[in-house]
Amino acid sequence: MHMEQEWSHYRTVKSVRGQALDEEDAKKKSRRFRRELKVWSRLRHDNIVPLYGTVSGFGRFIALVCPWYDNGSLSSYLESHGETLSIINRFQLLSDVSAGLQYLHSCSVVHGDLTGSNVLISSNGRACLSDFGLSVLVVDFVGTSYFTSALNGTVRWIAPELLAIPEEGEIMIPTSNSDIYSFGCIFFQVLTGKPPYSEFKRDAQVVVAISLGTKPLRPEFPAIIDHYWNFILDCWSIKDCRPSSQQVAEYIKDQLYHLQHDTPSPD
C-alpha cells in the first residue's frame, strides 16, 4: 500500500494515495479501510505502534495518526547505529519484533508487510511494528499487486509464495507463514546490518533470484554462526514447514537470555 507521511515532533500522519475511483467504489474502499483500522486501534502491546486516530484533509481517504519514533525505521537505525550495536542490542531488537509479531498472530492479525521500513525504533532503542494488516488491501484498494510492491523496495522481505503466478481468479494474500519468512529476513538484517540479497543492487534481480529458488548468500563478514543461520533457514523453508510466531519468540528470548548471562545456548 502506498502511503505518504507528514511529521510533527510528536505525531506521524500517514495518508493513502490510491488509484482513481468512482464515488461508489471509493465509499466501499473507505468502509473497508475503516474496518481494518478498527482492528489496529484495539491492539495494545509494547512492541506495536499504537493508532491514535484518524484525520481528514490529507487526501481523498482518511489519514492515520500515530506516534513519532525518534530513531526512524529499523533499516535507517541499523545504518546509523550498526557499528555501536552489540550482539545483545541486536537480539533485544529481535526480541521486540518477535514479541510484537507473536501478539499480532495471537489476535488473528497478519502483518503482511514486515520489512525494515515497517519496524520503528523508539528513543530508547526499542522496536515496534507498524502498518500491519493493511497490505491485504493492496490489490483491491490501491490497484497494485505484491509483484508491483516487490519492485517498490519490499521484495527482499517478501515470502516467495506471494510472488508466485496466481491461478485464474486467485488473489495472493499474506499469511502468518509468510510473516515468518519475513521475520527470517529481519533476523538476517539485524545480524548483518544489511537486507537480504544485498549482493543484488536491483530489486528486479532479487525477483529473478527468488523465482529460481535462490536463497540470500550467507555473509562471511559479519559472520552468522551456524545456530542462528539454521534458524533463519527454518524461517525461509517452504511455508508449511516454518516455525510459528510463538516458537520464533521463544527461540529469540532464549538466545537473548543466554547472551545476557554469558552462557552457551543449547543446540
C-alpha atoms as a PDB file:
ATOM      1  CA  MET A   1       0.000   0.000   0.000  1.00  0.00           C
ATOM      2  CA  HIS A   2       1.414   3.355  -0.967  1.00  0.00           C
ATOM      3  CA  MET A   3       1.222   5.781   1.921  1.00  0.00           C
ATOM      4  CA  GLU A   4       2.643   9.267   2.239  1.00  0.00           C
ATOM      5  CA  GLN A   5       3.746  10.619   5.595  1.00  0.00           C
ATOM      6  CA  GLU A   6       3.917  14.025   7.205  1.00  0.00           C
ATOM      7  CA  TRP A   7       5.607  14.531  10.542  1.00  0.00           C
ATOM      8  CA  SER A   8       5.376  16.769  13.560  1.00  0.00           C
ATOM      9  CA  HIS A   9       7.623  16.365  16.600  1.00  0.00           C
ATOM     10  CA  TYR A  10       5.113  14.129  18.356  1.00  0.00           C
ATOM     11  CA  ARG A  11       2.883  12.637  15.702  1.00  0.00           C
ATOM     12  CA  THR A  12       3.088  10.986  12.298  1.00  0.00           C
ATOM     13  CA  VAL A  13       0.249  11.387   9.816  1.00  0.00           C
ATOM     14  CA  LYS A  14       0.047   8.760   7.066  1.00  0.00           C
ATOM     15  CA  SER A  15      -2.257   9.278   4.107  1.00  0.00           C
ATOM     16  CA  VAL A  16      -3.204   6.775   1.429  1.00  0.00           C
ATOM     17  CA  ARG A  17      -2.641   7.580  -2.229  1.00  0.00           C
ATOM     18  CA  GLY A  18      -4.739   5.171  -4.264  1.00  0.00           C
ATOM     19  CA  GLN A  19      -5.967   4.761  -7.808  1.00  0.00           C
ATOM     20  CA  ALA A  20      -8.724   6.894  -9.271  1.00  0.00           C
ATOM     21  CA  LEU A  21     -12.103   5.530  -8.161  1.00  0.00           C
ATOM     22  CA  ASP A  22     -15.709   6.402  -8.864  1.00  0.00           C
ATOM     23  CA  GLU A  23     -17.737   7.695  -5.924  1.00  0.00           C
ATOM     24  CA  GLU A  24     -19.467   4.411  -5.092  1.00  0.00           C
ATOM     25  CA  ASP A  25     -16.264   2.390  -5.287  1.00  0.00           C
ATOM     26  CA  ALA A  26     -14.469   4.958  -3.157  1.00  0.00           C
ATOM     27  CA  LYS A  27     -17.134   4.626  -0.449  1.00  0.00           C
ATOM     28  CA  LYS A  28     -16.781   0.843  -0.406  1.00  0.00           C
ATOM     29  CA  LYS A  29     -12.996   1.047  -0.165  1.00  0.00           C
ATOM     30  CA  SER A  30     -13.232   3.667   2.555  1.00  0.00           C
ATOM     31  CA  ARG A  31     -15.581   1.483   4.645  1.00  0.00           C
ATOM     32  CA  ARG A  32     -13.242  -1.473   4.300  1.00  0.00           C
ATOM     33  CA  PHE A  33     -10.263   0.658   5.215  1.00  0.00           C
ATOM     34  CA  ARG A  34     -12.037   1.866   8.349  1.00  0.00           C
ATOM     35  CA  ARG A  35     -12.762  -1.734   9.384  1.00  0.00           C
ATOM     36  CA  GLU A  36      -9.064  -2.571   9.122  1.00  0.00           C
ATOM     37  CA  LEU A  37      -8.183   0.473  11.180  1.00  0.00           C
ATOM     38  CA  LYS A  38     -10.648  -0.551  13.905  1.00  0.00           C
ATOM     39  CA  VAL A  39      -8.684  -3.762  14.340  1.00  0.00           C
ATOM     40  CA  TRP A  40      -5.450  -1.784  14.681  1.00  0.00           C
ATOM     41  CA  SER A  41      -6.974   0.686  17.148  1.00  0.00           C
ATOM     42  CA  ARG A  42      -7.910  -2.133  19.539  1.00  0.00           C
ATOM     43  CA  LEU A  43      -4.402  -3.589  19.737  1.00  0.00           C
ATOM     44  CA  ARG A  44      -2.348  -2.875  22.866  1.00  0.00           C
ATOM     45  CA  HIS A  45       1.250  -4.062  23.152  1.00  0.00           C
ATOM     46  CA  ASP A  46       4.626  -2.525  23.978  1.00  0.00           C
ATOM     47  CA  ASN A  47       6.009  -3.602  20.591  1.00  0.00           C
ATOM     48  CA  ILE A  48       3.068  -2.452  18.482  1.00  0.00           C
ATOM     49  CA  VAL A  49       2.796   1.112  17.165  1.00  0.00           C
ATOM     50  CA  PRO A  50      -0.499   2.465  18.553  1.00  0.00           C
ATOM     51  CA  LEU A  51      -3.038   4.077  16.274  1.00  0.00           C
ATOM     52  CA  TYR A  52      -4.122   7.325  17.935  1.00  0.00           C
ATOM     53  CA  GLY A  53      -6.895   8.034  15.496  1.00  0.00           C
ATOM     54  CA  THR A  54      -7.685   9.321  12.023  1.00  0.00           C
ATOM     55  CA  VAL A  55      -7.969  12.741  10.414  1.00  0.00           C
ATOM     56  CA  SER A  56      -9.340  14.149   7.187  1.00  0.00           C
ATOM     57  CA  GLY A  57      -7.896  16.728   4.827  1.00  0.00           C
ATOM     58  CA  PHE A  58      -4.778  14.841   3.712  1.00  0.00           C
ATOM     59  CA  GLY A  59      -6.296  13.324   0.575  1.00  0.00           C
ATOM     60  CA  ARG A  60      -9.379  11.537  -0.630  1.00  0.00           C
ATOM     61  CA  PHE A  61      -9.288   8.972   2.171  1.00  0.00           C
ATOM     62  CA  ILE A  62      -8.839   9.331   5.915  1.00  0.00           C
ATOM     63  CA  ALA A  63      -5.285   9.566   7.223  1.00  0.00           C
ATOM     64  CA  LEU A  64      -3.728   7.714  10.153  1.00  0.00           C
ATOM     65  CA  VAL A  65      -2.281   9.425  13.226  1.00  0.00           C
ATOM     66  CA  CYS A  66       0.491   7.512  15.024  1.00  0.00           C
ATOM     67  CA  PRO A  67       3.245   8.460  17.485  1.00  0.00           C
ATOM     68  CA  TRP A  68       6.572   9.817  16.289  1.00  0.00           C
ATOM     69  CA  TYR A  69       9.595   7.499  16.613  1.00  0.00           C
ATOM     70  CA  ASP A  70      12.842   9.398  17.101  1.00  0.00           C
ATOM     71  CA  ASN A  71      15.125   6.734  15.656  1.00  0.00           C
ATOM     72  CA  GLY A  72      13.111   6.126  12.491  1.00  0.00           C
ATOM     73  CA  SER A  73      12.892   2.744  10.801  1.00  0.00           C
ATOM     74  CA  LEU A  74      14.906  -0.358  11.606  1.00  0.00           C
ATOM     75  CA  SER A  75      16.744  -0.054   8.284  1.00  0.00           C
ATOM     76  CA  SER A  76      17.860   3.526   8.927  1.00  0.00           C
ATOM     77  CA  TYR A  77      18.664   2.723  12.576  1.00  0.00           C
ATOM     78  CA  LEU A  78      20.962  -0.122  11.590  1.00  0.00           C
ATOM     79  CA  GLU A  79      22.682   2.104   9.036  1.00  0.00           C
ATOM     80  CA  SER A  80      23.325   4.892  11.551  1.00  0.00           C
ATOM     81  CA  HIS A  81      23.946   2.836  14.722  1.00  0.00           C
ATOM     82  CA  GLY A  82      25.112  -0.517  13.367  1.00  0.00           C
ATOM     83  CA  GLU A  83      28.745  -0.140  14.378  1.00  0.00           C
ATOM     84  CA  THR A  84      27.813   0.558  18.011  1.00  0.00           C
ATOM     85  CA  LEU A  85      25.248  -2.221  18.477  1.00  0.00           C
ATOM     86  CA  SER A  86      26.378  -5.251  20.463  1.00  0.00           C
ATOM     87  CA  ILE A  87      25.000  -8.733  19.817  1.00  0.00           C
ATOM     88  CA  ILE A  88      22.832  -8.271  22.919  1.00  0.00           C
ATOM     89  CA  ASN A  89      21.475  -4.986  21.491  1.00  0.00           C
ATOM     90  CA  ARG A  90      20.669  -6.772  18.251  1.00  0.00           C
ATOM     91  CA  PHE A  91      18.847  -9.624  19.978  1.00  0.00           C
ATOM     92  CA  GLN A  92      16.888  -7.132  22.046  1.00  0.00           C
ATOM     93  CA  LEU A  93      15.617  -5.644  18.783  1.00  0.00           C
ATOM     94  CA  LEU A  94      14.778  -9.131  17.521  1.00  0.00           C
ATOM     95  CA  SER A  95      13.040  -9.927  20.799  1.00  0.00           C
ATOM     96  CA  ASP A  96      10.889  -6.826  20.398  1.00  0.00           C
ATOM     97  CA  VAL A  97       9.984  -7.700  16.800  1.00  0.00           C
ATOM     98  CA  SER A  98       9.204 -11.347  17.586  1.00  0.00           C
ATOM     99  CA  ALA A  99       7.105 -10.390  20.641  1.00  0.00           C
ATOM    100  CA  GLY A 100       5.115  -7.914  18.575  1.00  0.00           C
ATOM    101  CA  LEU A 101       4.593 -10.474  15.814  1.00  0.00           C
ATOM    102  CA  GLN A 102       3.503 -13.163  18.272  1.00  0.00           C
ATOM    103  CA  TYR A 103       0.964 -10.741  19.739  1.00  0.00           C
ATOM    104  CA  LEU A 104      -0.449  -9.905  16.302  1.00  0.00           C
ATOM    105  CA  HIS A 105      -0.836 -13.568  15.416  1.00  0.00           C
ATOM    106  CA  SER A 106      -2.475 -14.277  18.784  1.00  0.00           C
ATOM    107  CA  CYS A 107      -5.050 -11.639  17.800  1.00  0.00           C
ATOM    108  CA  SER A 108      -5.523 -13.318  14.384  1.00  0.00           C
ATOM    109  CA  VAL A 109      -3.827 -10.371  12.675  1.00  0.00           C
ATOM    110  CA  VAL A 110      -1.380 -11.000   9.837  1.00  0.00           C
ATOM    111  CA  HIS A 111       1.190  -8.260   9.417  1.00  0.00           C
ATOM    112  CA  GLY A 112       1.650  -8.860   5.699  1.00  0.00           C
ATOM    113  CA  ASP A 113       4.363  -6.267   5.145  1.00  0.00           C
ATOM    114  CA  LEU A 114       7.079  -6.958   7.711  1.00  0.00           C
ATOM    115  CA  THR A 115      10.132  -5.128   6.373  1.00  0.00           C
ATOM    116  CA  GLY A 116      12.940  -2.981   7.700  1.00  0.00           C
ATOM    117  CA  SER A 117      10.797   0.064   6.933  1.00  0.00           C
ATOM    118  CA  ASN A 118       7.770  -1.072   8.955  1.00  0.00           C
ATOM    119  CA  VAL A 119       9.692  -1.685  12.166  1.00  0.00           C
ATOM    120  CA  LEU A 120      10.139   1.622  14.003  1.00  0.00           C
ATOM    121  CA  ILE A 121      12.697   2.354  16.730  1.00  0.00           C
ATOM    122  CA  SER A 122      11.816   4.465  19.774  1.00  0.00           C
ATOM    123  CA  SER A 123      14.074   6.968  21.532  1.00  0.00           C
ATOM    124  CA  ASN A 124      15.202   4.244  23.968  1.00  0.00           C
ATOM    125  CA  GLY A 125      16.095   1.841  21.166  1.00  0.00           C
ATOM    126  CA  ARG A 126      13.068  -0.455  21.360  1.00  0.00           C
ATOM    127  CA  ALA A 127      11.428  -1.837  18.232  1.00  0.00           C
ATOM    128  CA  CYS A 128       7.714  -1.571  17.393  1.00  0.00           C
ATOM    129  CA  LEU A 129       5.751  -2.982  14.453  1.00  0.00           C
ATOM    130  CA  SER A 130       3.783  -0.618  12.236  1.00  0.00           C
ATOM    131  CA  ASP A 131       1.438  -0.706   9.217  1.00  0.00           C
ATOM    132  CA  PHE A 132       0.272  -4.264   9.853  1.00  0.00           C
ATOM    133  CA  GLY A 133      -2.889  -5.711   8.372  1.00  0.00           C
ATOM    134  CA  LEU A 134      -3.093  -3.018   5.702  1.00  0.00           C
ATOM    135  CA  SER A 135      -1.307  -4.974   2.981  1.00  0.00           C
ATOM    136  CA  VAL A 136      -4.375  -7.170   2.455  1.00  0.00           C
ATOM    137  CA  LEU A 137      -5.947  -4.085   0.885  1.00  0.00           C
ATOM    138  CA  VAL A 138      -3.168  -3.624  -1.679  1.00  0.00           C
ATOM    139  CA  VAL A 139      -4.735  -5.336  -4.679  1.00  0.00           C
ATOM    140  CA  ASP A 140      -8.304  -4.184  -4.186  1.00  0.00           C
ATOM    141  CA  PHE A 141      -7.694  -0.803  -2.613  1.00  0.00           C
ATOM    142  CA  VAL A 142      -4.859   0.857  -4.495  1.00  0.00           C
ATOM    143  CA  GLY A 143      -4.838  -1.153  -7.694  1.00  0.00           C
ATOM    144  CA  THR A 144      -1.476  -2.853  -7.336  1.00  0.00           C
ATOM    145  CA  SER A 145      -0.152  -6.321  -6.518  1.00  0.00           C
ATOM    146  CA  TYR A 146       2.550  -7.991  -4.497  1.00  0.00           C
ATOM    147  CA  PHE A 147       4.678  -8.208  -7.615  1.00  0.00           C
ATOM    148  CA  THR A 148       4.315  -4.455  -8.172  1.00  0.00           C
ATOM    149  CA  SER A 149       5.025  -3.799  -4.491  1.00  0.00           C
ATOM    150  CA  ALA A 150       8.087  -6.019  -4.749  1.00  0.00           C
ATOM    151  CA  LEU A 151       9.576  -3.681  -7.330  1.00  0.00           C
ATOM    152  CA  ASN A 152       8.986  -0.760  -4.971  1.00  0.00           C
ATOM    153  CA  GLY A 153      11.519  -1.895  -2.372  1.00  0.00           C
ATOM    154  CA  THR A 154       9.841  -4.675  -0.372  1.00  0.00           C
ATOM    155  CA  VAL A 155      10.880  -7.750  -2.358  1.00  0.00           C
ATOM    156  CA  ARG A 156      13.846  -8.500  -0.100  1.00  0.00           C
ATOM    157  CA  TRP A 157      11.437  -9.353   2.731  1.00  0.00           C
ATOM    158  CA  ILE A 158       8.531 -10.938   0.814  1.00  0.00           C
ATOM    159  CA  ALA A 159       7.830 -14.671   1.046  1.00  0.00           C
ATOM    160  CA  PRO A 160       8.338 -16.435  -2.324  1.00  0.00           C
ATOM    161  CA  GLU A 161       4.787 -17.804  -2.430  1.00  0.00           C
ATOM    162  CA  LEU A 162       3.426 -14.258  -2.600  1.00  0.00           C
ATOM    163  CA  LEU A 163       5.379 -13.670  -5.805  1.00  0.00           C
ATOM    164  CA  ALA A 164       4.136 -16.830  -7.489  1.00  0.00           C
ATOM    165  CA  ILE A 165       1.943 -16.524 -10.581  1.00  0.00           C
ATOM    166  CA  PRO A 166      -1.629 -16.993  -9.285  1.00  0.00           C
ATOM    167  CA  GLU A 167      -4.188 -19.282 -10.826  1.00  0.00           C
ATOM    168  CA  GLU A 168      -7.029 -17.598 -12.696  1.00  0.00           C
ATOM    169  CA  GLY A 169      -9.192 -15.688 -10.233  1.00  0.00           C
ATOM    170  CA  GLU A 170      -6.767 -16.347  -7.363  1.00  0.00           C
ATOM    171  CA  ILE A 171      -5.537 -13.485  -5.199  1.00  0.00           C
ATOM    172  CA  MET A 172      -2.242 -13.919  -3.376  1.00  0.00           C
ATOM    173  CA  ILE A 173      -2.628 -12.694   0.190  1.00  0.00           C
ATOM    174  CA  PRO A 174      -0.173 -12.789   3.102  1.00  0.00           C
ATOM    175  CA  THR A 175      -0.484 -15.336   5.892  1.00  0.00           C
ATOM    176  CA  SER A 176       1.078 -15.936   9.285  1.00  0.00           C
ATOM    177  CA  ASN A 177       3.516 -18.262   7.474  1.00  0.00           C
ATOM    178  CA  SER A 178       4.603 -15.512   5.103  1.00  0.00           C
ATOM    179  CA  ASP A 179       5.152 -13.269   8.141  1.00  0.00           C
ATOM    180  CA  ILE A 180       7.597 -15.856   9.496  1.00  0.00           C
ATOM    181  CA  TYR A 181       9.570 -15.789   6.239  1.00  0.00           C
ATOM    182  CA  SER A 182       9.743 -12.008   6.582  1.00  0.00           C
ATOM    183  CA  PHE A 183      10.924 -12.342  10.179  1.00  0.00           C
ATOM    184  CA  GLY A 184      13.781 -14.514   8.922  1.00  0.00           C
ATOM    185  CA  CYS A 185      14.724 -11.590   6.680  1.00  0.00           C
ATOM    186  CA  ILE A 186      14.564  -9.215   9.648  1.00  0.00           C
ATOM    187  CA  PHE A 187      16.751 -11.641  11.622  1.00  0.00           C
ATOM    188  CA  PHE A 188      19.279 -11.613   8.778  1.00  0.00           C
ATOM    189  CA  GLN A 189      19.152  -7.819   8.526  1.00  0.00           C
ATOM    190  CA  VAL A 190      19.610  -7.189  12.243  1.00  0.00           C
ATOM    191  CA  LEU A 191      22.609  -9.521  12.463  1.00  0.00           C
ATOM    192  CA  THR A 192      24.352  -8.234   9.329  1.00  0.00           C
ATOM    193  CA  GLY A 193      23.151  -4.636   9.113  1.00  0.00           C
ATOM    194  CA  LYS A 194      22.064  -5.255   5.511  1.00  0.00           C
ATOM    195  CA  PRO A 195      18.818  -6.502   3.974  1.00  0.00           C
ATOM    196  CA  PRO A 196      18.771  -9.965   2.378  1.00  0.00           C
ATOM    197  CA  TYR A 197      20.029 -10.188  -1.192  1.00  0.00           C
ATOM    198  CA  SER A 198      22.276  -7.175  -0.694  1.00  0.00           C
ATOM    199  CA  GLU A 199      24.531  -8.831  -3.274  1.00  0.00           C
ATOM    200  CA  PHE A 200      21.966  -7.666  -5.855  1.00  0.00           C
ATOM    201  CA  LYS A 201      21.650  -3.941  -6.476  1.00  0.00           C
ATOM    202  CA  ARG A 202      18.303  -4.008  -8.311  1.00  0.00           C
ATOM    203  CA  ASP A 203      15.026  -5.374  -6.979  1.00  0.00           C
ATOM    204  CA  ALA A 204      14.283  -6.983 -10.352  1.00  0.00           C
ATOM    205  CA  GLN A 205      17.382  -9.145  -9.880  1.00  0.00           C
ATOM    206  CA  VAL A 206      16.049 -10.239  -6.497  1.00  0.00           C
ATOM    207  CA  VAL A 207      12.711 -11.241  -8.060  1.00  0.00           C
ATOM    208  CA  VAL A 208      14.572 -13.428 -10.554  1.00  0.00           C
ATOM    209  CA  ALA A 209      16.699 -14.991  -7.796  1.00  0.00           C
ATOM    210  CA  ILE A 210      13.604 -15.808  -5.735  1.00  0.00           C
ATOM    211  CA  SER A 211      11.863 -17.309  -8.786  1.00  0.00           C
ATOM    212  CA  LEU A 212      14.876 -19.596  -9.223  1.00  0.00           C
ATOM    213  CA  GLY A 213      14.742 -20.652  -5.562  1.00  0.00           C
ATOM    214  CA  THR A 214      17.989 -18.870  -4.715  1.00  0.00           C
ATOM    215  CA  LYS A 215      18.365 -18.020  -1.026  1.00  0.00           C
ATOM    216  CA  PRO A 216      20.288 -14.930   0.160  1.00  0.00           C
ATOM    217  CA  LEU A 217      24.013 -15.510   0.498  1.00  0.00           C
ATOM    218  CA  ARG A 218      25.337 -16.252   3.960  1.00  0.00           C
ATOM    219  CA  PRO A 219      27.778 -13.426   4.638  1.00  0.00           C
ATOM    220  CA  GLU A 220      31.384 -14.097   5.545  1.00  0.00           C
ATOM    221  CA  PHE A 221      31.593 -10.833   7.463  1.00  0.00           C
ATOM    222  CA  PRO A 222      29.896 -10.193   9.719  1.00  0.00           C
ATOM    223  CA  ALA A 223      29.615 -13.944  10.089  1.00  0.00           C
ATOM    224  CA  ILE A 224      26.352 -15.546  11.214  1.00  0.00           C
ATOM    225  CA  ILE A 225      27.024 -18.552  13.469  1.00  0.00           C
ATOM    226  CA  ASP A 226      25.530 -21.906  12.493  1.00  0.00           C
ATOM    227  CA  HIS A 227      22.917 -21.852  15.248  1.00  0.00           C
ATOM    228  CA  TYR A 228      21.421 -18.574  14.028  1.00  0.00           C
ATOM    229  CA  TRP A 229      21.816 -19.351  10.331  1.00  0.00           C
ATOM    230  CA  ASN A 230      19.976 -22.656  10.667  1.00  0.00           C
ATOM    231  CA  PHE A 231      17.068 -20.923  12.377  1.00  0.00           C
ATOM    232  CA  ILE A 232      16.936 -18.294   9.633  1.00  0.00           C
ATOM    233  CA  LEU A 233      16.815 -21.118   7.085  1.00  0.00           C
ATOM    234  CA  ASP A 234      13.927 -22.653   9.047  1.00  0.00           C
ATOM    235  CA  CYS A 235      12.056 -19.360   8.658  1.00  0.00           C
ATOM    236  CA  TRP A 236      12.846 -19.454   4.926  1.00  0.00           C
ATOM    237  CA  SER A 237      11.721 -23.036   4.386  1.00  0.00           C
ATOM    238  CA  ILE A 238       8.550 -23.945   2.467  1.00  0.00           C
ATOM    239  CA  LYS A 239       5.575 -22.206   4.003  1.00  0.00           C
ATOM    240  CA  ASP A 240       4.031 -25.151   5.860  1.00  0.00           C
ATOM    241  CA  CYS A 241       7.346 -26.081   7.497  1.00  0.00           C
ATOM    242  CA  ARG A 242       8.173 -22.730   9.060  1.00  0.00           C
ATOM    243  CA  PRO A 243       8.106 -22.243  12.842  1.00  0.00           C
ATOM    244  CA  SER A 244       5.160 -20.497  14.456  1.00  0.00           C
ATOM    245  CA  SER A 245       5.450 -16.951  15.806  1.00  0.00           C
ATOM    246  CA  GLN A 246       5.379 -18.435  19.313  1.00  0.00           C
ATOM    247  CA  GLN A 247       8.323 -20.706  18.515  1.00  0.00           C
ATOM    248  CA  VAL A 248      10.173 -17.755  16.989  1.00  0.00           C
ATOM    249  CA  ALA A 249       9.577 -15.569  20.051  1.00  0.00           C
ATOM    250  CA  GLU A 250      10.664 -18.353  22.405  1.00  0.00           C
ATOM    251  CA  TYR A 251      13.834 -19.007  20.402  1.00  0.00           C
ATOM    252  CA  ILE A 252      14.842 -15.335  20.339  1.00  0.00           C
ATOM    253  CA  LYS A 253      14.027 -14.887  24.023  1.00  0.00           C
ATOM    254  CA  ASP A 254      16.125 -17.938  24.878  1.00  0.00           C
ATOM    255  CA  GLN A 255      19.097 -16.707  22.818  1.00  0.00           C
ATOM    256  CA  LEU A 256      18.892 -13.276  24.430  1.00  0.00           C
ATOM    257  CA  TYR A 257      18.848 -14.829  27.906  1.00  0.00           C
ATOM    258  CA  HIS A 258      21.977 -16.862  27.231  1.00  0.00           C
ATOM    259  CA  LEU A 259      23.764 -13.864  25.755  1.00  0.00           C
ATOM    260  CA  GLN A 260      22.879 -11.700  28.756  1.00  0.00           C
ATOM    261  CA  HIS A 261      24.071 -14.367  31.186  1.00  0.00           C
ATOM    262  CA  ASP A 262      27.113 -15.322  29.118  1.00  0.00           C
ATOM    263  CA  THR A 263      26.124 -18.967  28.876  1.00  0.00           C
ATOM    264  CA  PRO A 264      26.205 -21.155  25.771  1.00  0.00           C
ATOM    265  CA  SER A 265      22.862 -21.618  24.079  1.00  0.00           C
ATOM    266  CA  PRO A 266      21.535 -25.156  23.642  1.00  0.00           C
ATOM    267  CA  ASP A 267      21.891 -26.761  20.209  1.00  0.00           C
END
